[in-house]
Amino acid sequence: MSSTSVREFVLKEVPDWNDEVIATARFKAFSGQRSDWEPKFQFWKNLILKIARHFSLAIIHPSQVKNEWFNRGGLTPLCFDDVLFVMYNEGDVVRSVDLVDAASGRLTQLFRKVRSLMARSAATPEILLKDRVILMEVLKDKADEVIKLLSESHWASSCIITMKKFQDKCGGRDEASAVLSFLTGRGKALYLSISKNEFTEGVKVSLSPAAVSSISSLDYDVLHLIWTVEKLQLQLDIIDRHYEMSRKSALASLHSGNKTVALRHAKQLKLTKESREKCTSLLNRVEEVLSLIENAESTKKVSEAIQIGAQAIKKNKISVEELQLCLEELEESIDLQKQAEKVIVPSYTGIDDEDIEEEFKKLEQEVECERPKCTVSKTGANEPAASESAESLSVAFSTIGLNDGQATALAISDTVVPDRSNESKHPMLESA
């Protein structure tokens, strides 16, 4: 990753980067209270994180960032030292020397943590510029990405891989060391090593939300088998390259008419082919053993789940008598609820249609009797008289459970039509 690529990315993310007035204000050193320089600090912090995420850089060199990434014609931000120091004090960045070595013992890790806490208070901006620092947000994203990649090729809740494979997943030796330290500190990974034929390092990673289980003797055997698989696969690749070279040499010898040399290359092809078959057979056997171990672990987990389920069924066993009693209590509660609803909401089903018609006739007669008392002009109804008529109708309708709004509407409708003859009936009463 070149500094030119970073500067091009900065110009894309910050359109006003070359604006002299704005750049002069951004490049000034911090002064005054934090509230005065907080916006400037957030700008530089967010820009550093954007660049690191875009180029997948969990580890950065502060001097390179200051003198190459943010260099504008020989000018560098005077506030960069303060930005980095504030990020360090707030835990956004840590020094590489402060990381816990996952390969060390627990006592050594604890001692190093205490020493790191003591050294944090003595750190200065000048010290931070000379060391490499790790961006914790980017490191967390990279750790999540590594776990996601491992989950795609492993179906179990945890997996064991060699250190070489882990470094390939993380993108380098230094990145792998930082990611392993981060995962170890959160109980998601453990370091393990064996010394049989060769010194072999590996990592056990939890692929579930739970913490990784402790290292067992089986884990060491699995690591050795995985290391064997990788060695056999590497040997197969070398054999394939030799086979291809011998085949090309044999063809070239045949084309040139040198049958003796072609025969020698053909013999070499035969030997290479036999070596490949033996290596493939060994590789298949080792992979079969690993598959059997994984199936055994799966069977064990299924057996444990069945046992837990059986214990839960026995513990929560309910007899038929208890179930019948629960159903009776439930039915009794439903009956009580229905009775309560009947008391709260009275029923009007006992009223006959004949009684309602008789009440309507009485109301109609009362309206006809009150009509002469209303003084209606040619331009409209008298509002006080209409109000009195509406009130009388509202009282009358309330006796049979009708709401006041309907009664008022009937009264007003009748009073605003003064020319209607006594023989006509109200449309609302007719429809009723």
Protein backbone atom coordinates (compact mmCIF):
# COMPACT_ATOMS: atom_id res chain seq x y z
CA MET A 1 0.00 0.00 0.00
CA SER A 2 1.67 3.20 -1.20
CA SER A 3 1.33 6.70 0.22
CA THR A 4 0.11 7.88 -3.18
CA SER A 5 -2.93 5.61 -2.93
CA VAL A 6 -3.68 6.98 0.52
CA ARG A 7 -3.45 10.60 -0.64
CA GLU A 8 -5.78 9.86 -3.55
CA PHE A 9 -8.25 8.33 -1.12
CA VAL A 10 -7.98 11.41 1.15
CA LEU A 11 -8.76 13.74 -1.77
CA LYS A 12 -11.81 11.63 -2.56
CA GLU A 13 -13.09 11.57 1.04
CA VAL A 14 -12.27 15.25 1.79
CA PRO A 15 -13.18 17.38 -1.26
CA ASP A 16 -11.94 20.60 0.39
CA TRP A 17 -8.56 19.10 1.35
CA ASN A 18 -6.66 21.58 -0.83
CA ASP A 19 -8.66 24.60 0.28
CA GLU A 20 -6.02 26.87 1.84
CA VAL A 21 -8.26 28.59 4.39
CA ILE A 22 -9.87 25.38 5.65
CA ALA A 23 -6.58 23.43 5.58
CA THR A 24 -4.80 26.14 7.60
CA ALA A 25 -7.44 25.88 10.33
CA ARG A 26 -7.29 22.07 10.35
CA PHE A 27 -3.50 21.88 10.51
CA LYS A 28 -3.19 24.21 13.52
CA ALA A 29 -2.23 22.83 16.93
CA PHE A 30 -4.87 22.37 19.63
CA SER A 31 -5.42 25.27 22.00
CA GLY A 32 -7.89 26.17 24.72
CA GLN A 33 -10.49 23.85 26.22
CA ARG A 34 -11.48 20.53 24.67
CA SER A 35 -14.77 21.98 23.48
CA ASP A 36 -12.72 24.37 21.33
CA TRP A 37 -10.81 21.68 19.45
CA GLU A 38 -13.25 18.75 19.69
CA PRO A 39 -14.56 19.14 16.09
CA LYS A 40 -11.01 19.20 14.75
CA PHE A 41 -10.09 16.12 16.79
CA GLN A 42 -13.13 14.20 15.50
CA PHE A 43 -12.23 15.11 11.92
CA TRP A 44 -8.70 13.68 12.15
CA LYS A 45 -9.77 10.64 14.15
CA ASN A 46 -12.52 9.71 11.69
CA LEU A 47 -10.22 10.28 8.72
CA ILE A 48 -7.55 7.98 10.17
CA LEU A 49 -10.14 5.25 10.82
CA LYS A 50 -11.61 5.60 7.31
CA ILE A 51 -8.21 5.17 5.70
CA ALA A 52 -7.34 2.22 7.95
CA ARG A 53 -10.64 0.44 7.22
CA HIS A 54 -10.42 1.08 3.49
CA PHE A 55 -6.91 -0.38 3.23
CA SER A 56 -7.49 -2.95 6.01
CA LEU A 57 -4.71 -1.55 8.20
CA ALA A 58 -5.02 -2.47 11.86
CA ILE A 59 -1.38 -1.49 12.52
CA ILE A 60 -0.06 1.92 11.47
CA HIS A 61 3.18 3.84 11.84
CA PRO A 62 2.34 7.31 13.23
CA SER A 63 5.39 8.93 11.65
CA GLN A 64 4.34 7.63 8.22
CA VAL A 65 0.77 8.82 8.75
CA LYS A 66 1.91 12.30 9.70
CA ASN A 67 4.74 12.83 7.21
CA GLU A 68 3.41 10.95 4.17
CA TRP A 69 -0.37 10.47 4.33
CA PHE A 70 -1.22 14.00 5.49
CA ASN A 71 1.61 15.89 3.83
CA ARG A 72 0.45 18.98 1.89
CA GLY A 73 3.36 20.41 -0.02
CA GLY A 74 5.76 19.88 2.86
CA LEU A 75 3.25 20.94 5.53
CA THR A 76 2.08 18.39 8.11
CA PRO A 77 -0.73 18.80 10.68
CA LEU A 78 0.65 20.33 13.88
CA CYS A 79 -2.23 18.82 15.83
CA PHE A 80 -1.51 15.22 14.79
CA ASP A 81 0.60 14.46 17.87
CA ASP A 82 -2.20 15.65 20.13
CA VAL A 83 -4.80 13.67 18.15
CA LEU A 84 -2.81 10.47 18.53
CA PHE A 85 -2.16 11.11 22.22
CA VAL A 86 -5.86 11.67 22.97
CA MET A 87 -6.79 8.51 21.04
CA TYR A 88 -4.18 6.60 23.07
CA ASN A 89 -5.49 7.89 26.40
CA GLU A 90 -9.07 7.02 25.42
CA GLY A 91 -8.15 3.48 24.34
CA ASP A 92 -8.75 3.97 20.61
CA VAL A 93 -5.15 3.00 19.90
CA VAL A 94 -2.60 0.90 21.79
CA ARG A 95 1.10 0.44 21.27
CA SER A 96 2.32 -2.86 19.86
CA VAL A 97 4.52 -3.34 22.92
CA ASP A 98 1.44 -3.13 25.12
CA LEU A 99 -0.19 -6.18 23.51
CA VAL A 100 -0.29 -9.37 25.55
CA ASP A 101 1.76 -12.21 24.11
CA ALA A 102 -0.71 -15.05 23.65
CA ALA A 103 2.12 -17.60 23.57
CA SER A 104 3.25 -16.72 27.09
CA GLY A 105 1.87 -18.17 30.29
CA ARG A 106 -0.97 -16.68 32.32
CA LEU A 107 1.37 -15.26 34.95
CA THR A 108 3.51 -13.60 32.29
CA GLN A 109 0.42 -12.18 30.60
CA LEU A 110 -0.82 -10.74 33.90
CA PHE A 111 2.57 -9.19 34.64
CA ARG A 112 2.68 -7.64 31.17
CA LYS A 113 -0.80 -6.16 31.60
CA VAL A 114 0.24 -4.50 34.87
CA ARG A 115 3.41 -3.17 33.28
CA SER A 116 1.42 -1.83 30.33
CA LEU A 117 -0.94 0.04 32.65
CA MET A 118 2.00 1.59 34.47
CA ALA A 119 3.71 2.57 31.23
CA ARG A 120 0.53 4.16 29.84
CA SER A 121 0.69 7.01 32.32
CA ALA A 122 4.30 7.71 31.33
CA ALA A 123 3.67 7.71 27.59
CA THR A 124 4.18 10.95 25.67
CA PRO A 125 3.28 12.02 22.10
CA GLU A 126 6.96 11.72 21.15
CA ILE A 127 7.06 8.08 22.30
CA LEU A 128 3.90 7.25 20.33
CA LEU A 129 5.38 8.66 17.12
CA LYS A 130 8.37 6.30 17.36
CA ASP A 131 6.35 3.13 17.92
CA ARG A 132 3.76 1.24 15.90
CA VAL A 133 0.20 1.58 17.15
CA ILE A 134 -2.85 -0.63 16.72
CA LEU A 135 -6.26 0.85 15.94
CA MET A 136 -8.62 -1.08 18.21
CA GLU A 137 -11.78 -0.54 16.14
CA VAL A 138 -10.10 -1.82 12.99
CA LEU A 139 -8.52 -4.69 14.95
CA LYS A 140 -11.95 -5.74 16.23
CA ASP A 141 -13.35 -5.68 12.68
CA LYS A 142 -10.45 -7.81 11.46
CA ALA A 143 -10.93 -10.32 14.30
CA ASP A 144 -14.64 -10.62 13.44
CA GLU A 145 -13.73 -11.13 9.79
CA VAL A 146 -11.28 -13.92 10.67
CA ILE A 147 -13.90 -15.72 12.76
CA LYS A 148 -16.38 -15.38 9.90
CA LEU A 149 -13.91 -16.89 7.43
CA LEU A 150 -13.21 -19.80 9.77
CA SER A 151 -16.94 -20.37 10.31
CA GLU A 152 -17.43 -20.83 6.58
CA SER A 153 -15.08 -23.85 6.54
CA HIS A 154 -15.85 -25.31 10.00
CA TRP A 155 -19.28 -26.32 11.26
CA ALA A 156 -18.30 -27.03 14.88
CA SER A 157 -18.44 -24.49 17.72
CA SER A 158 -14.64 -24.25 17.72
CA CYS A 159 -11.75 -25.10 15.43
CA ILE A 160 -8.00 -25.65 15.54
CA ILE A 161 -5.71 -24.34 12.81
CA THR A 162 -1.97 -24.02 12.43
CA MET A 163 -0.30 -20.70 13.03
CA LYS A 164 0.64 -20.47 9.36
CA LYS A 165 -3.00 -20.75 8.30
CA PHE A 166 -4.01 -18.24 10.97
CA GLN A 167 -1.44 -15.76 9.68
CA ASP A 168 -2.74 -16.21 6.14
CA LYS A 169 -6.28 -15.47 7.33
CA CYS A 170 -5.15 -12.35 9.20
CA GLY A 171 -2.99 -11.00 6.38
CA GLY A 172 0.47 -11.25 7.92
CA ARG A 173 2.55 -12.19 10.94
CA ASP A 174 2.17 -8.89 12.81
CA GLU A 175 -1.58 -8.70 12.13
CA ALA A 176 -2.00 -12.31 13.30
CA SER A 177 -0.16 -11.53 16.53
CA ALA A 178 -2.43 -8.53 17.18
CA VAL A 179 -5.63 -10.43 16.34
CA LEU A 180 -4.59 -13.39 18.50
CA SER A 181 -3.81 -11.08 21.41
CA PHE A 182 -7.21 -9.39 20.99
CA LEU A 183 -9.12 -12.70 20.83
CA THR A 184 -7.16 -14.18 23.73
CA GLY A 185 -7.92 -11.17 25.90
CA ARG A 186 -11.65 -11.72 25.28
CA GLY A 187 -11.56 -15.47 25.86
CA LYS A 188 -12.23 -16.31 22.21
CA ALA A 189 -8.90 -17.97 21.33
CA LEU A 190 -6.03 -19.94 22.89
CA TYR A 191 -2.49 -20.57 21.73
CA LEU A 192 -1.08 -24.13 21.65
CA SER A 193 2.12 -25.76 20.41
CA ILE A 194 3.64 -29.23 20.07
CA SER A 195 7.20 -30.47 19.61
CA LYS A 196 7.14 -33.89 17.94
CA ASN A 197 8.88 -34.10 14.60
CA GLU A 198 8.92 -30.32 14.31
CA PHE A 199 7.88 -27.43 16.50
CA THR A 200 4.31 -26.68 15.49
CA GLU A 201 2.19 -23.73 16.63
CA GLY A 202 -1.56 -23.53 16.43
CA VAL A 203 -4.62 -21.59 17.55
CA LYS A 204 -7.91 -22.81 18.97
CA VAL A 205 -10.69 -20.38 18.13
CA SER A 206 -14.27 -20.26 19.36
CA LEU A 207 -16.72 -19.81 16.48
CA SER A 208 -19.74 -19.33 18.77
CA PRO A 209 -20.62 -16.52 21.19
CA ALA A 210 -19.37 -18.68 24.06
CA ALA A 211 -15.78 -18.56 25.28
CA VAL A 212 -13.29 -21.07 23.91
CA SER A 213 -12.87 -24.27 25.92
CA SER A 214 -9.57 -25.12 27.57
CA ILE A 215 -6.86 -27.02 25.70
CA SER A 216 -7.15 -30.82 25.96
CA SER A 217 -4.81 -33.64 24.94
CA LEU A 218 -7.08 -34.33 21.97
CA ASP A 219 -6.52 -30.76 20.75
CA TYR A 220 -2.77 -31.38 20.54
CA ASP A 221 -3.36 -34.57 18.53
CA VAL A 222 -5.74 -32.72 16.20
CA LEU A 223 -3.15 -29.98 15.68
CA HIS A 224 -0.55 -32.60 14.75
CA LEU A 225 -2.94 -34.22 12.27
CA ILE A 226 -3.79 -30.86 10.70
CA TRP A 227 -0.09 -30.04 10.42
CA THR A 228 0.43 -33.43 8.73
CA VAL A 229 -2.35 -32.70 6.24
CA GLU A 230 -0.77 -29.37 5.32
CA LYS A 231 2.68 -30.98 4.88
CA LEU A 232 1.24 -33.73 2.65
CA GLN A 233 -0.67 -31.15 0.62
CA LEU A 234 2.53 -29.16 0.16
CA GLN A 235 4.35 -32.31 -0.91
CA LEU A 236 1.62 -33.06 -3.44
CA ASP A 237 2.01 -29.60 -4.95
CA ILE A 238 5.76 -30.16 -5.32
CA ILE A 239 5.20 -33.59 -6.92
CA ASP A 240 2.71 -32.08 -9.38
CA ARG A 241 5.22 -29.44 -10.42
CA HIS A 242 7.94 -32.08 -10.94
CA TYR A 243 5.53 -34.23 -12.93
CA GLU A 244 4.64 -31.32 -15.21
CA MET A 245 8.31 -30.46 -15.76
CA SER A 246 9.16 -34.08 -16.62
CA ARG A 247 6.25 -34.32 -19.01
CA LYS A 248 7.30 -31.18 -20.87
CA SER A 249 10.92 -32.40 -21.06
CA ALA A 250 9.80 -35.78 -22.40
CA LEU A 251 7.68 -34.13 -25.10
CA ALA A 252 10.54 -31.81 -26.07
CA SER A 253 12.92 -34.78 -26.34
CA LEU A 254 10.48 -36.66 -28.56
CA HIS A 255 10.06 -33.64 -30.83
CA SER A 256 13.83 -33.34 -31.15
CA GLY A 257 14.16 -37.07 -31.93
CA ASN A 258 16.19 -37.93 -28.81
CA LYS A 259 14.42 -41.10 -27.74
CA THR A 260 16.97 -42.03 -25.06
CA VAL A 261 16.42 -38.79 -23.12
CA ALA A 262 12.66 -39.04 -23.69
CA LEU A 263 12.70 -42.58 -22.24
CA ARG A 264 14.57 -41.35 -19.18
CA HIS A 265 11.99 -38.60 -18.64
CA ALA A 266 9.17 -41.12 -19.13
CA LYS A 267 10.71 -43.29 -16.40
CA GLN A 268 10.84 -40.21 -14.15
CA LEU A 269 7.16 -39.58 -14.91
CA LYS A 270 6.34 -43.11 -13.81
CA LEU A 271 8.18 -42.70 -10.51
CA THR A 272 6.60 -39.31 -9.88
CA LYS A 273 3.15 -40.72 -10.55
CA GLU A 274 3.72 -43.55 -8.05
CA SER A 275 4.95 -41.07 -5.43
CA ARG A 276 1.86 -38.99 -5.96
CA GLU A 277 -0.40 -42.00 -5.47
CA LYS A 278 1.31 -42.91 -2.19
CA CYS A 279 1.14 -39.32 -0.95
CA THR A 280 -2.53 -39.06 -1.92
CA SER A 281 -3.30 -42.30 -0.09
CA LEU A 282 -1.63 -41.01 3.09
CA LEU A 283 -3.45 -37.70 2.80
CA ASN A 284 -6.81 -39.45 2.45
CA ARG A 285 -6.12 -41.56 5.55
CA VAL A 286 -5.21 -38.56 7.71
CA GLU A 287 -8.25 -36.60 6.50
CA GLU A 288 -10.43 -39.63 7.28
CA VAL A 289 -9.08 -39.72 10.84
CA LEU A 290 -9.85 -35.99 11.25
CA SER A 291 -13.35 -36.57 9.92
CA LEU A 292 -13.90 -39.39 12.41
CA ILE A 293 -12.76 -37.14 15.27
CA GLU A 294 -15.16 -34.39 14.18
CA ASN A 295 -18.03 -36.88 13.89
CA ALA A 296 -17.20 -38.27 17.33
CA GLU A 297 -17.34 -34.75 18.81
CA SER A 298 -20.66 -34.15 17.09
CA THR A 299 -22.04 -37.46 18.37
CA LYS A 300 -20.89 -36.59 21.88
CA LYS A 301 -22.67 -33.24 21.78
CA VAL A 302 -25.86 -34.84 20.46
CA SER A 303 -25.70 -37.45 23.22
CA GLU A 304 -25.22 -34.74 25.85
CA ALA A 305 -28.20 -32.81 24.45
CA ILE A 306 -30.39 -35.93 24.58
CA GLN A 307 -29.38 -36.59 28.18
CA ILE A 308 -30.15 -33.00 29.16
CA GLY A 309 -33.53 -33.26 27.44
CA ALA A 310 -34.35 -36.52 29.23
CA GLN A 311 -33.43 -35.01 32.59
CA ALA A 312 -35.58 -31.95 31.88
CA ILE A 313 -38.57 -34.14 30.97
CA LYS A 314 -38.18 -36.16 34.18
CA LYS A 315 -37.77 -33.04 36.26
CA ASN A 316 -40.82 -31.29 34.79
CA LYS A 317 -43.02 -34.39 34.52
CA ILE A 318 -46.75 -33.62 35.01
CA SER A 319 -49.32 -36.28 35.92
CA VAL A 320 -52.75 -36.64 34.30
CA GLU A 321 -54.48 -35.59 37.54
CA GLU A 322 -52.46 -32.36 37.70
CA LEU A 323 -53.27 -31.62 34.08
CA GLN A 324 -57.01 -32.19 34.67
CA LEU A 325 -56.93 -29.90 37.70
CA CYS A 326 -55.24 -27.18 35.66
CA LEU A 327 -57.91 -27.45 32.96
CA GLU A 328 -60.72 -27.20 35.52
CA GLU A 329 -59.16 -24.12 37.10
CA LEU A 330 -58.79 -22.56 33.66
CA GLU A 331 -62.44 -23.25 32.78
CA GLU A 332 -63.59 -21.78 36.09
CA SER A 333 -61.58 -18.62 35.45
CA ILE A 334 -63.17 -18.27 32.00
CA ASP A 335 -66.69 -18.57 33.48
CA LEU A 336 -65.93 -15.89 36.08
CA GLN A 337 -64.62 -13.62 33.37
CA LYS A 338 -67.80 -14.03 31.34
CA GLN A 339 -69.97 -13.23 34.38
CA ALA A 340 -67.97 -10.10 35.03
CA GLU A 341 -68.46 -8.98 31.43
CA LYS A 342 -72.23 -9.44 31.73
CA VAL A 343 -72.32 -7.20 34.82
CA ILE A 344 -70.17 -4.49 33.23
CA VAL A 345 -71.96 -4.48 29.83
CA PRO A 346 -75.79 -4.76 30.30
CA SER A 347 -77.85 -6.44 27.61
CA TYR A 348 -80.85 -4.89 25.89
CA THR A 349 -82.12 -8.00 24.16
CA GLY A 350 -85.31 -8.02 26.26
CA ILE A 351 -86.82 -4.98 24.47
CA ASP A 352 -89.42 -5.84 21.78
CA ASP A 353 -89.79 -4.06 18.46
CA GLU A 354 -93.43 -3.20 19.32
CA ASP A 355 -92.32 -1.31 22.42
CA ILE A 356 -89.82 0.69 20.34
CA GLU A 357 -92.50 1.59 17.75
CA GLU A 358 -94.88 2.71 20.49
CA GLU A 359 -92.16 4.93 21.98
CA PHE A 360 -91.51 6.43 18.52
CA LYS A 361 -95.21 7.28 18.12
CA LYS A 362 -95.26 9.03 21.47
CA LEU A 363 -92.19 10.99 20.57
CA GLU A 364 -93.69 11.94 17.22
CA GLN A 365 -96.84 13.24 18.90
CA GLU A 366 -94.73 15.24 21.35
CA VAL A 367 -92.79 16.81 18.48
CA GLU A 368 -96.01 17.73 16.64
CA CYS A 369 -97.40 19.29 19.79
CA GLU A 370 -94.32 21.43 20.34
CA ARG A 371 -94.08 22.60 16.68
CA PRO A 372 -96.49 25.59 16.94
CA LYS A 373 -94.41 27.01 19.75
CA CYS A 374 -91.42 27.43 17.40
CA THR A 375 -91.26 30.80 15.66
CA VAL A 376 -89.64 30.27 12.29
CA SER A 377 -88.72 33.05 9.91
CA LYS A 378 -88.55 32.68 6.14
CA THR A 379 -84.75 32.83 6.13
CA GLY A 380 -84.15 30.14 8.78
CA ALA A 381 -85.07 28.58 12.10
CA ASN A 382 -85.04 30.31 15.47
CA GLU A 383 -81.91 29.05 17.22
CA PRO A 384 -83.25 29.14 20.87
CA ALA A 385 -86.36 27.22 19.90
CA ALA A 386 -84.31 24.66 18.01
CA SER A 387 -82.06 24.22 21.00
CA GLU A 388 -85.07 23.62 23.34
CA SER A 389 -86.56 21.11 20.91
CA ALA A 390 -83.22 19.32 20.63
CA GLU A 391 -82.92 19.13 24.40
CA SER A 392 -86.43 17.69 24.78
CA LEU A 393 -85.76 15.08 22.11
CA SER A 394 -82.40 14.22 23.72
CA VAL A 395 -84.13 13.60 27.07
CA ALA A 396 -86.82 11.51 25.43
CA PHE A 397 -84.41 9.39 23.43
CA SER A 398 -82.24 8.77 26.43
CA THR A 399 -85.14 6.83 28.00
CA ILE A 400 -84.73 4.05 25.45
CA GLY A 401 -80.88 3.97 25.41
CA LEU A 402 -80.27 6.12 22.26
CA ASN A 403 -77.35 8.56 22.37
CA ASP A 404 -77.79 12.32 22.61
CA GLY A 405 -76.03 12.93 19.33
CA GLN A 406 -78.70 11.12 17.31
CA ALA A 407 -81.53 12.88 19.18
CA THR A 408 -80.01 16.28 18.65
CA ALA A 409 -79.55 15.57 14.97
CA LEU A 410 -83.21 14.61 14.66
CA ALA A 411 -84.38 17.74 16.45
CA ILE A 412 -82.29 20.14 14.41
CA SER A 413 -83.24 18.44 11.18
CA ASP A 414 -86.92 18.88 12.05
CA THR A 415 -86.69 22.50 13.13
CA VAL A 416 -84.83 23.74 10.08
CA VAL A 417 -87.67 22.58 7.78
CA PRO A 418 -90.66 24.75 8.89
CA ASP A 419 -92.84 24.24 5.76
CA ARG A 420 -93.36 20.50 6.30
CA SER A 421 -97.03 19.60 6.94
CA ASN A 422 -98.17 17.85 10.11
CA GLU A 423 -99.16 14.74 8.18
CA SER A 424 -95.59 14.01 6.99
CA LYS A 425 -93.33 11.96 9.18
CA HIS A 426 -89.67 12.40 9.93
CA PRO A 427 -87.49 10.34 7.56
CA MET A 428 -85.34 9.08 10.39
CA LEU A 429 -88.46 7.82 12.25
CA GLU A 430 -89.80 6.20 9.10
CA SER A 431 -86.56 4.36 8.46
CA ALA A 432 -86.49 3.24 12.10
